[in-house]
Amino acid sequence: MLHTLLHSPAHCDLESLLLMAGAGDDLLLLQDGVLAALAGSHALMRLSESEATLWVLDEDVQARGLAGQISTRVQSVDYTGFVTLTIRHQQQMVW
């Protein structure tokens, strides 16, 4: 399953997301969700506990001026990579 986090981690239910995301899943952080990829953040620490692979949409990181602050534990993806993730997963959950 592809999980997409669109909202700031301060305004979403991370606990439910963590319960739903598992091995073989991908979690894409986009829009204000990219804030969850900030190095050293509590949200990143929690999301890193999941077995899902973490991705961040580079265009949204750039738009928010956060390029130098994103953790290296999160893989960056462009819009083409986003499409690849949606093709890989028939099901998607938006958070």
PDB file of N, CA and C in Angstrom:
ATOM      1  N   MET A   1       0.842  -1.172   0.000  1.00  0.00           N
ATOM      2  CA  MET A   1       0.000   0.000   0.000  1.00  0.00           C
ATOM      3  C   MET A   1       0.891   1.241   0.000  1.00  0.00           C
ATOM      4  N   LEU A   2       0.445   2.261  -0.703  1.00  0.00           N
ATOM      5  CA  LEU A   2       1.128   3.546  -0.684  1.00  0.00           C
ATOM      6  C   LEU A   2       0.395   4.460   0.280  1.00  0.00           C
ATOM      7  N   HIS A   3       1.104   4.944   1.272  1.00  0.00           N
ATOM      8  CA  HIS A   3       0.569   5.915   2.220  1.00  0.00           C
ATOM      9  C   HIS A   3       1.136   7.272   1.832  1.00  0.00           C
ATOM     10  N   THR A   4       0.281   8.276   1.736  1.00  0.00           N
ATOM     11  CA  THR A   4       0.754   9.630   1.434  1.00  0.00           C
ATOM     12  C   THR A   4       0.361  10.544   2.581  1.00  0.00           C
ATOM     13  N   LEU A   5       1.352  11.197   3.157  1.00  0.00           N
ATOM     14  CA  LEU A   5       1.125  12.137   4.255  1.00  0.00           C
ATOM     15  C   LEU A   5       1.190  13.538   3.688  1.00  0.00           C
ATOM     16  N   LEU A   6       0.036  14.218   3.662  1.00  0.00           N
ATOM     17  CA  LEU A   6      -0.073  15.550   3.062  1.00  0.00           C
ATOM     18  C   LEU A   6      -0.018  16.675   4.089  1.00  0.00           C
ATOM     19  N   HIS A   7      -0.285  16.352   5.334  1.00  0.00           N
ATOM     20  CA  HIS A   7      -0.412  17.376   6.365  1.00  0.00           C
ATOM     21  C   HIS A   7       0.794  17.385   7.294  1.00  0.00           C
ATOM     22  N   SER A   8       0.983  18.497   7.942  1.00  0.00           N
ATOM     23  CA  SER A   8       2.037  18.598   8.944  1.00  0.00           C
ATOM     24  C   SER A   8       1.862  17.485   9.960  1.00  0.00           C
ATOM     25  N   PRO A   9       2.958  16.914  10.445  1.00  0.00           N
ATOM     26  CA  PRO A   9       2.837  15.850  11.447  1.00  0.00           C
ATOM     27  C   PRO A   9       2.143  16.328  12.725  1.00  0.00           C
ATOM     28  N   ALA A  10       2.115  17.624  12.950  1.00  0.00           N
ATOM     29  CA  ALA A  10       1.420  18.171  14.117  1.00  0.00           C
ATOM     30  C   ALA A  10      -0.093  18.124  13.945  1.00  0.00           C
ATOM     31  N   HIS A  11      -0.551  17.914  12.710  1.00  0.00           N
ATOM     32  CA  HIS A  11      -1.986  17.943  12.422  1.00  0.00           C
ATOM     33  C   HIS A  11      -2.478  16.654  11.769  1.00  0.00           C
ATOM     34  N   CYS A  12      -1.868  15.531  12.122  1.00  0.00           N
ATOM     35  CA  CYS A  12      -2.324  14.250  11.581  1.00  0.00           C
ATOM     36  C   CYS A  12      -2.215  13.189  12.670  1.00  0.00           C
ATOM     37  N   ASP A  13      -2.799  12.055  12.409  1.00  0.00           N
ATOM     38  CA  ASP A  13      -2.810  10.954  13.367  1.00  0.00           C
ATOM     39  C   ASP A  13      -1.662   9.990  13.052  1.00  0.00           C
ATOM     40  N   LEU A  14      -0.462  10.341  13.504  1.00  0.00           N
ATOM     41  CA  LEU A  14       0.714   9.508  13.244  1.00  0.00           C
ATOM     42  C   LEU A  14       0.566   8.113  13.836  1.00  0.00           C
ATOM     43  N   GLU A  15      -0.082   8.019  14.976  1.00  0.00           N
ATOM     44  CA  GLU A  15      -0.225   6.707  15.629  1.00  0.00           C
ATOM     45  C   GLU A  15      -1.031   5.754  14.752  1.00  0.00           C
ATOM     46  N   SER A  16      -2.112   6.230  14.168  1.00  0.00           N
ATOM     47  CA  SER A  16      -2.911   5.381  13.276  1.00  0.00           C
ATOM     48  C   SER A  16      -2.132   5.031  12.021  1.00  0.00           C
ATOM     49  N   LEU A  17      -1.408   6.000  11.497  1.00  0.00           N
ATOM     50  CA  LEU A  17      -0.577   5.745  10.319  1.00  0.00           C
ATOM     51  C   LEU A  17       0.424   4.636  10.615  1.00  0.00           C
ATOM     52  N   LEU A  18       1.057   4.700  11.776  1.00  0.00           N
ATOM     53  CA  LEU A  18       2.041   3.692  12.154  1.00  0.00           C
ATOM     54  C   LEU A  18       1.413   2.310  12.321  1.00  0.00           C
ATOM     55  N   LEU A  19       0.182   2.269  12.769  1.00  0.00           N
ATOM     56  CA  LEU A  19      -0.513   0.990  12.905  1.00  0.00           C
ATOM     57  C   LEU A  19      -0.845   0.383  11.545  1.00  0.00           C
ATOM     58  N   MET A  20      -1.106   1.238  10.572  1.00  0.00           N
ATOM     59  CA  MET A  20      -1.523   0.774   9.244  1.00  0.00           C
ATOM     60  C   MET A  20      -0.345   0.452   8.320  1.00  0.00           C
ATOM     61  N   ALA A  21       0.737   1.199   8.420  1.00  0.00           N
ATOM     62  CA  ALA A  21       1.873   1.022   7.504  1.00  0.00           C
ATOM     63  C   ALA A  21       2.731  -0.147   7.957  1.00  0.00           C
ATOM     64  N   GLY A  22       3.056  -1.010   7.005  1.00  0.00           N
ATOM     65  CA  GLY A  22       3.844  -2.179   7.363  1.00  0.00           C
ATOM     66  C   GLY A  22       4.878  -2.532   6.318  1.00  0.00           C
ATOM     67  N   ALA A  23       5.434  -3.700   6.460  1.00  0.00           N
ATOM     68  CA  ALA A  23       6.456  -4.184   5.532  1.00  0.00           C
ATOM     69  C   ALA A  23       5.883  -4.243   4.122  1.00  0.00           C
ATOM     70  N   GLY A  24       6.662  -3.793   3.170  1.00  0.00           N
ATOM     71  CA  GLY A  24       6.235  -3.772   1.779  1.00  0.00           C
ATOM     72  C   GLY A  24       5.486  -2.521   1.384  1.00  0.00           C
ATOM     73  N   ASP A  25       5.135  -1.692   2.368  1.00  0.00           N
ATOM     74  CA  ASP A  25       4.443  -0.440   2.090  1.00  0.00           C
ATOM     75  C   ASP A  25       5.454   0.668   1.832  1.00  0.00           C
ATOM     76  N   ASP A  26       4.993   1.703   1.139  1.00  0.00           N
ATOM     77  CA  ASP A  26       5.777   2.918   0.955  1.00  0.00           C
ATOM     78  C   ASP A  26       5.012   4.070   1.580  1.00  0.00           C
ATOM     79  N   LEU A  27       5.734   4.991   2.197  1.00  0.00           N
ATOM     80  CA  LEU A  27       5.149   6.188   2.794  1.00  0.00           C
ATOM     81  C   LEU A  27       5.794   7.398   2.141  1.00  0.00           C
ATOM     82  N   LEU A  28       4.984   8.162   1.408  1.00  0.00           N
ATOM     83  CA  LEU A  28       5.473   9.345   0.714  1.00  0.00           C
ATOM     84  C   LEU A  28       5.035  10.593   1.459  1.00  0.00           C
ATOM     85  N   LEU A  29       5.997  11.419   1.817  1.00  0.00           N
ATOM     86  CA  LEU A  29       5.738  12.691   2.481  1.00  0.00           C
ATOM     87  C   LEU A  29       5.696  13.777   1.420  1.00  0.00           C
ATOM     88  N   LEU A  30       4.571  14.489   1.328  1.00  0.00           N
ATOM     89  CA  LEU A  30       4.453  15.560   0.351  1.00  0.00           C
ATOM     90  C   LEU A  30       3.650  16.699   0.949  1.00  0.00           C
ATOM     91  N   GLN A  31       3.610  17.818   0.235  1.00  0.00           N
ATOM     92  CA  GLN A  31       3.014  19.053   0.728  1.00  0.00           C
ATOM     93  C   GLN A  31       3.589  19.340   2.112  1.00  0.00           C
ATOM     94  N   ASP A  32       2.761  19.666   3.120  1.00  0.00           N
ATOM     95  CA  ASP A  32       3.300  19.955   4.454  1.00  0.00           C
ATOM     96  C   ASP A  32       3.771  18.700   5.190  1.00  0.00           C
ATOM     97  N   GLY A  33       3.476  17.539   4.641  1.00  0.00           N
ATOM     98  CA  GLY A  33       3.965  16.293   5.230  1.00  0.00           C
ATOM     99  C   GLY A  33       5.474  16.179   5.196  1.00  0.00           C
ATOM    100  N   VAL A  34       6.142  16.958   4.312  1.00  0.00           N
ATOM    101  CA  VAL A  34       7.606  16.901   4.245  1.00  0.00           C
ATOM    102  C   VAL A  34       8.234  17.339   5.563  1.00  0.00           C
ATOM    103  N   LEU A  35       7.477  18.045   6.394  1.00  0.00           N
ATOM    104  CA  LEU A  35       8.005  18.464   7.699  1.00  0.00           C
ATOM    105  C   LEU A  35       8.345  17.257   8.571  1.00  0.00           C
ATOM    106  N   ALA A  36       7.706  16.134   8.313  1.00  0.00           N
ATOM    107  CA  ALA A  36       7.993  14.913   9.078  1.00  0.00           C
ATOM    108  C   ALA A  36       9.359  14.338   8.747  1.00  0.00           C
ATOM    109  N   ALA A  37       9.992  14.816   7.681  1.00  0.00           N
ATOM    110  CA  ALA A  37      11.314  14.313   7.282  1.00  0.00           C
ATOM    111  C   ALA A  37      12.460  15.171   7.818  1.00  0.00           C
ATOM    112  N   LEU A  38      12.148  16.171   8.624  1.00  0.00           N
ATOM    113  CA  LEU A  38      13.204  17.025   9.174  1.00  0.00           C
ATOM    114  C   LEU A  38      14.121  16.218  10.081  1.00  0.00           C
ATOM    115  N   ALA A  39      15.409  16.341   9.850  1.00  0.00           N
ATOM    116  CA  ALA A  39      16.403  15.614  10.643  1.00  0.00           C
ATOM    117  C   ALA A  39      16.219  15.923  12.126  1.00  0.00           C
ATOM    118  N   GLY A  40      16.187  14.881  12.935  1.00  0.00           N
ATOM    119  CA  GLY A  40      16.080  15.039  14.377  1.00  0.00           C
ATOM    120  C   GLY A  40      14.680  15.283  14.906  1.00  0.00           C
ATOM    121  N   SER A  41      13.681  15.298  14.039  1.00  0.00           N
ATOM    122  CA  SER A  41      12.318  15.592  14.493  1.00  0.00           C
ATOM    123  C   SER A  41      11.689  14.374  15.168  1.00  0.00           C
ATOM    124  N   HIS A  42      10.773  14.650  16.067  1.00  0.00           N
ATOM    125  CA  HIS A  42      10.032  13.587  16.748  1.00  0.00           C
ATOM    126  C   HIS A  42       9.231  12.774  15.731  1.00  0.00           C
ATOM    127  N   ALA A  43       8.629  13.450  14.759  1.00  0.00           N
ATOM    128  CA  ALA A  43       7.831  12.755  13.745  1.00  0.00           C
ATOM    129  C   ALA A  43       8.696  11.766  12.959  1.00  0.00           C
ATOM    130  N   LEU A  44       9.886  12.168  12.568  1.00  0.00           N
ATOM    131  CA  LEU A  44      10.778  11.274  11.825  1.00  0.00           C
ATOM    132  C   LEU A  44      11.177  10.085  12.685  1.00  0.00           C
ATOM    133  N   MET A  45      11.441  10.326  13.948  1.00  0.00           N
ATOM    134  CA  MET A  45      11.791   9.241  14.853  1.00  0.00           C
ATOM    135  C   MET A  45      10.658   8.218  14.894  1.00  0.00           C
ATOM    136  N   ARG A  46       9.419   8.670  15.013  1.00  0.00           N
ATOM    137  CA  ARG A  46       8.265   7.773  15.068  1.00  0.00           C
ATOM    138  C   ARG A  46       8.072   7.045  13.740  1.00  0.00           C
ATOM    139  N   LEU A  47       8.157   7.777  12.616  1.00  0.00           N
ATOM    140  CA  LEU A  47       7.953   7.165  11.301  1.00  0.00           C
ATOM    141  C   LEU A  47       9.050   6.150  10.980  1.00  0.00           C
ATOM    142  N   SER A  48      10.241   6.373  11.497  1.00  0.00           N
ATOM    143  CA  SER A  48      11.350   5.455  11.264  1.00  0.00           C
ATOM    144  C   SER A  48      11.133   4.111  11.953  1.00  0.00           C
ATOM    145  N   GLU A  49      10.225   4.055  12.911  1.00  0.00           N
ATOM    146  CA  GLU A  49       9.898   2.808  13.592  1.00  0.00           C
ATOM    147  C   GLU A  49       9.066   1.891  12.705  1.00  0.00           C
ATOM    148  N   SER A  50       8.450   2.463  11.679  1.00  0.00           N
ATOM    149  CA  SER A  50       7.625   1.684  10.758  1.00  0.00           C
ATOM    150  C   SER A  50       8.510   0.865   9.825  1.00  0.00           C
ATOM    151  N   GLU A  51       7.962  -0.242   9.335  1.00  0.00           N
ATOM    152  CA  GLU A  51       8.684  -1.056   8.360  1.00  0.00           C
ATOM    153  C   GLU A  51       8.497  -0.533   6.945  1.00  0.00           C
ATOM    154  N   ALA A  52       7.645   0.480   6.772  1.00  0.00           N
ATOM    155  CA  ALA A  52       7.415   1.064   5.453  1.00  0.00           C
ATOM    156  C   ALA A  52       8.652   1.860   5.015  1.00  0.00           C
ATOM    157  N   THR A  53       8.868   1.909   3.718  1.00  0.00           N
ATOM    158  CA  THR A  53       9.963   2.709   3.160  1.00  0.00           C
ATOM    159  C   THR A  53       9.527   4.166   3.102  1.00  0.00           C
ATOM    160  N   LEU A  54      10.368   5.066   3.624  1.00  0.00           N
ATOM    161  CA  LEU A  54      10.047   6.493   3.664  1.00  0.00           C
ATOM    162  C   LEU A  54      10.586   7.219   2.437  1.00  0.00           C
ATOM    163  N   TRP A  55       9.728   8.040   1.835  1.00  0.00           N
ATOM    164  CA  TRP A  55      10.082   8.865   0.679  1.00  0.00           C
ATOM    165  C   TRP A  55       9.629  10.292   0.956  1.00  0.00           C
ATOM    166  N   VAL A  56      10.283  11.252   0.337  1.00  0.00           N
ATOM    167  CA  VAL A  56       9.875  12.654   0.434  1.00  0.00           C
ATOM    168  C   VAL A  56       9.890  13.245  -0.976  1.00  0.00           C
ATOM    169  N   LEU A  57       8.863  14.022  -1.302  1.00  0.00           N
ATOM    170  CA  LEU A  57       8.771  14.640  -2.624  1.00  0.00           C
ATOM    171  C   LEU A  57       9.690  15.854  -2.674  1.00  0.00           C
ATOM    172  N   ASP A  58      10.710  15.768  -3.504  1.00  0.00           N
ATOM    173  CA  ASP A  58      11.745  16.799  -3.562  1.00  0.00           C
ATOM    174  C   ASP A  58      11.185  18.178  -3.912  1.00  0.00           C
ATOM    175  N   GLU A  59      10.232  18.247  -4.819  1.00  0.00           N
ATOM    176  CA  GLU A  59       9.675  19.548  -5.218  1.00  0.00           C
ATOM    177  C   GLU A  59       9.039  20.268  -4.037  1.00  0.00           C
ATOM    178  N   ASP A  60       8.370  19.521  -3.143  1.00  0.00           N
ATOM    179  CA  ASP A  60       7.758  20.150  -1.974  1.00  0.00           C
ATOM    180  C   ASP A  60       8.805  20.554  -0.942  1.00  0.00           C
ATOM    181  N   VAL A  61       9.877  19.785  -0.849  1.00  0.00           N
ATOM    182  CA  VAL A  61      10.989  20.167   0.033  1.00  0.00           C
ATOM    183  C   VAL A  61      11.598  21.486  -0.460  1.00  0.00           C
ATOM    184  N   GLN A  62      11.862  21.567  -1.757  1.00  0.00           N
ATOM    185  CA  GLN A  62      12.445  22.777  -2.347  1.00  0.00           C
ATOM    186  C   GLN A  62      11.519  23.978  -2.169  1.00  0.00           C
ATOM    187  N   ALA A  63      10.220  23.775  -2.380  1.00  0.00           N
ATOM    188  CA  ALA A  63       9.247  24.874  -2.278  1.00  0.00           C
ATOM    189  C   ALA A  63       9.199  25.455  -0.868  1.00  0.00           C
ATOM    190  N   ARG A  64       9.547  24.653   0.124  1.00  0.00           N
ATOM    191  CA  ARG A  64       9.512  25.115   1.513  1.00  0.00           C
ATOM    192  C   ARG A  64      10.885  25.518   2.031  1.00  0.00           C
ATOM    193  N   GLY A  65      11.889  25.473   1.171  1.00  0.00           N
ATOM    194  CA  GLY A  65      13.237  25.884   1.567  1.00  0.00           C
ATOM    195  C   GLY A  65      13.874  24.974   2.602  1.00  0.00           C
ATOM    196  N   LEU A  66      13.555  23.682   2.551  1.00  0.00           N
ATOM    197  CA  LEU A  66      14.026  22.747   3.576  1.00  0.00           C
ATOM    198  C   LEU A  66      15.101  21.784   3.088  1.00  0.00           C
ATOM    199  N   ALA A  67      15.667  22.037   1.930  1.00  0.00           N
ATOM    200  CA  ALA A  67      16.592  21.087   1.296  1.00  0.00           C
ATOM    201  C   ALA A  67      17.727  20.656   2.234  1.00  0.00           C
ATOM    202  N   GLY A  68      18.305  21.537   2.970  1.00  0.00           N
ATOM    203  CA  GLY A  68      19.426  21.199   3.830  1.00  0.00           C
ATOM    204  C   GLY A  68      19.031  20.612   5.168  1.00  0.00           C
ATOM    205  N   GLN A  69      17.734  20.487   5.415  1.00  0.00           N
ATOM    206  CA  GLN A  69      17.276  20.049   6.730  1.00  0.00           C
ATOM    207  C   GLN A  69      16.607  18.670   6.731  1.00  0.00           C
ATOM    208  N   ILE A  70      16.518  18.046   5.572  1.00  0.00           N
ATOM    209  CA  ILE A  70      15.858  16.749   5.458  1.00  0.00           C
ATOM    210  C   ILE A  70      16.848  15.637   5.826  1.00  0.00           C
ATOM    211  N   SER A  71      16.382  14.684   6.605  1.00  0.00           N
ATOM    212  CA  SER A  71      17.217  13.570   7.045  1.00  0.00           C
ATOM    213  C   SER A  71      17.665  12.722   5.864  1.00  0.00           C
ATOM    214  N   THR A  72      18.868  12.206   5.968  1.00  0.00           N
ATOM    215  CA  THR A  72      19.387  11.320   4.930  1.00  0.00           C
ATOM    216  C   THR A  72      18.752   9.928   5.012  1.00  0.00           C
ATOM    217  N   ARG A  73      17.977   9.666   6.069  1.00  0.00           N
ATOM    218  CA  ARG A  73      17.285   8.379   6.200  1.00  0.00           C
ATOM    219  C   ARG A  73      16.034   8.309   5.325  1.00  0.00           C
ATOM    220  N   VAL A  74      15.651   9.438   4.734  1.00  0.00           N
ATOM    221  CA  VAL A  74      14.467   9.500   3.885  1.00  0.00           C
ATOM    222  C   VAL A  74      14.928   9.664   2.445  1.00  0.00           C
ATOM    223  N   GLN A  75      14.407   8.824   1.562  1.00  0.00           N
ATOM    224  CA  GLN A  75      14.786   8.880   0.160  1.00  0.00           C
ATOM    225  C   GLN A  75      13.987   9.967  -0.558  1.00  0.00           C
ATOM    226  N   SER A  76      14.663  10.730  -1.389  1.00  0.00           N
ATOM    227  CA  SER A  76      14.027  11.790  -2.154  1.00  0.00           C
ATOM    228  C   SER A  76      13.500  11.228  -3.469  1.00  0.00           C
ATOM    229  N   VAL A  77      12.357  11.738  -3.901  1.00  0.00           N
ATOM    230  CA  VAL A  77      11.748  11.299  -5.147  1.00  0.00           C
ATOM    231  C   VAL A  77      11.166  12.521  -5.864  1.00  0.00           C
ATOM    232  N   ASP A  78      11.196  12.504  -7.198  1.00  0.00           N
ATOM    233  CA  ASP A  78      10.575  13.577  -7.974  1.00  0.00           C
ATOM    234  C   ASP A  78       9.182  13.115  -8.397  1.00  0.00           C
ATOM    235  N   TYR A  79       8.497  13.924  -9.240  1.00  0.00           N
ATOM    236  CA  TYR A  79       7.141  13.564  -9.651  1.00  0.00           C
ATOM    237  C   TYR A  79       7.102  12.255 -10.442  1.00  0.00           C
ATOM    238  N   THR A  80       8.126  11.989 -11.217  1.00  0.00           N
ATOM    239  CA  THR A  80       8.184  10.727 -11.951  1.00  0.00           C
ATOM    240  C   THR A  80       8.257   9.557 -10.973  1.00  0.00           C
ATOM    241  N   GLY A  81       9.049   9.715  -9.913  1.00  0.00           N
ATOM    242  CA  GLY A  81       9.125   8.690  -8.876  1.00  0.00           C
ATOM    243  C   GLY A  81       7.812   8.527  -8.135  1.00  0.00           C
ATOM    244  N   PHE A  82       7.097   9.626  -7.938  1.00  0.00           N
ATOM    245  CA  PHE A  82       5.781   9.587  -7.312  1.00  0.00           C
ATOM    246  C   PHE A  82       4.836   8.735  -8.159  1.00  0.00           C
ATOM    247  N   VAL A  83       4.858   8.948  -9.467  1.00  0.00           N
ATOM    248  CA  VAL A  83       4.022   8.150 -10.369  1.00  0.00           C
ATOM    249  C   VAL A  83       4.420   6.679 -10.290  1.00  0.00           C
ATOM    250  N   THR A  84       5.707   6.408 -10.235  1.00  0.00           N
ATOM    251  CA  THR A  84       6.186   5.023 -10.122  1.00  0.00           C
ATOM    252  C   THR A  84       5.644   4.367  -8.849  1.00  0.00           C
ATOM    253  N   LEU A  85       5.636   5.103  -7.745  1.00  0.00           N
ATOM    254  CA  LEU A  85       5.093   4.568  -6.499  1.00  0.00           C
ATOM    255  C   LEU A  85       3.600   4.277  -6.620  1.00  0.00           C
ATOM    256  N   THR A  86       2.858   5.146  -7.302  1.00  0.00           N
ATOM    257  CA  THR A  86       1.415   4.914  -7.449  1.00  0.00           C
ATOM    258  C   THR A  86       1.135   3.721  -8.352  1.00  0.00           C
ATOM    259  N   ILE A  87       1.988   3.499  -9.341  1.00  0.00           N
ATOM    260  CA  ILE A  87       1.830   2.329 -10.216  1.00  0.00           C
ATOM    261  C   ILE A  87       2.150   1.047  -9.438  1.00  0.00           C
ATOM    262  N   ARG A  88       3.145   1.110  -8.572  1.00  0.00           N
ATOM    263  CA  ARG A  88       3.572  -0.057  -7.798  1.00  0.00           C
ATOM    264  C   ARG A  88       2.484  -0.534  -6.833  1.00  0.00           C
ATOM    265  N   HIS A  89       1.684   0.413  -6.334  1.00  0.00           N
ATOM    266  CA  HIS A  89       0.678   0.080  -5.315  1.00  0.00           C
ATOM    267  C   HIS A  89      -0.726   0.341  -5.848  1.00  0.00           C
ATOM    268  N   GLN A  90      -1.545  -0.697  -5.884  1.00  0.00           N
ATOM    269  CA  GLN A  90      -2.921  -0.533  -6.327  1.00  0.00           C
ATOM    270  C   GLN A  90      -3.758   0.206  -5.301  1.00  0.00           C
ATOM    271  N   GLN A  91      -3.393   0.093  -4.029  1.00  0.00           N
ATOM    272  CA  GLN A  91      -4.142   0.757  -2.964  1.00  0.00           C
ATOM    273  C   GLN A  91      -3.334   1.923  -2.418  1.00  0.00           C
ATOM    274  N   GLN A  92      -4.058   2.982  -2.052  1.00  0.00           N
ATOM    275  CA  GLN A  92      -3.410   4.164  -1.495  1.00  0.00           C
ATOM    276  C   GLN A  92      -4.244   4.678  -0.323  1.00  0.00           C
ATOM    277  N   MET A  93      -3.541   5.100   0.718  1.00  0.00           N
ATOM    278  CA  MET A  93      -4.196   5.699   1.888  1.00  0.00           C
ATOM    279  C   MET A  93      -3.616   7.096   2.050  1.00  0.00           C
ATOM    280  N   VAL A  94      -4.497   8.081   2.093  1.00  0.00           N
ATOM    281  CA  VAL A  94      -4.073   9.477   2.230  1.00  0.00           C
ATOM    282  C   VAL A  94      -4.257   9.905   3.687  1.00  0.00           C
ATOM    283  N   TRP A  95      -3.217  10.478   4.238  1.00  0.00           N
ATOM    284  CA  TRP A  95      -3.237  10.945   5.623  1.00  0.00           C
ATOM    285  C   TRP A  95      -3.131  12.445   5.671  1.00  0.00           C
TER     286      TRP A  95
END
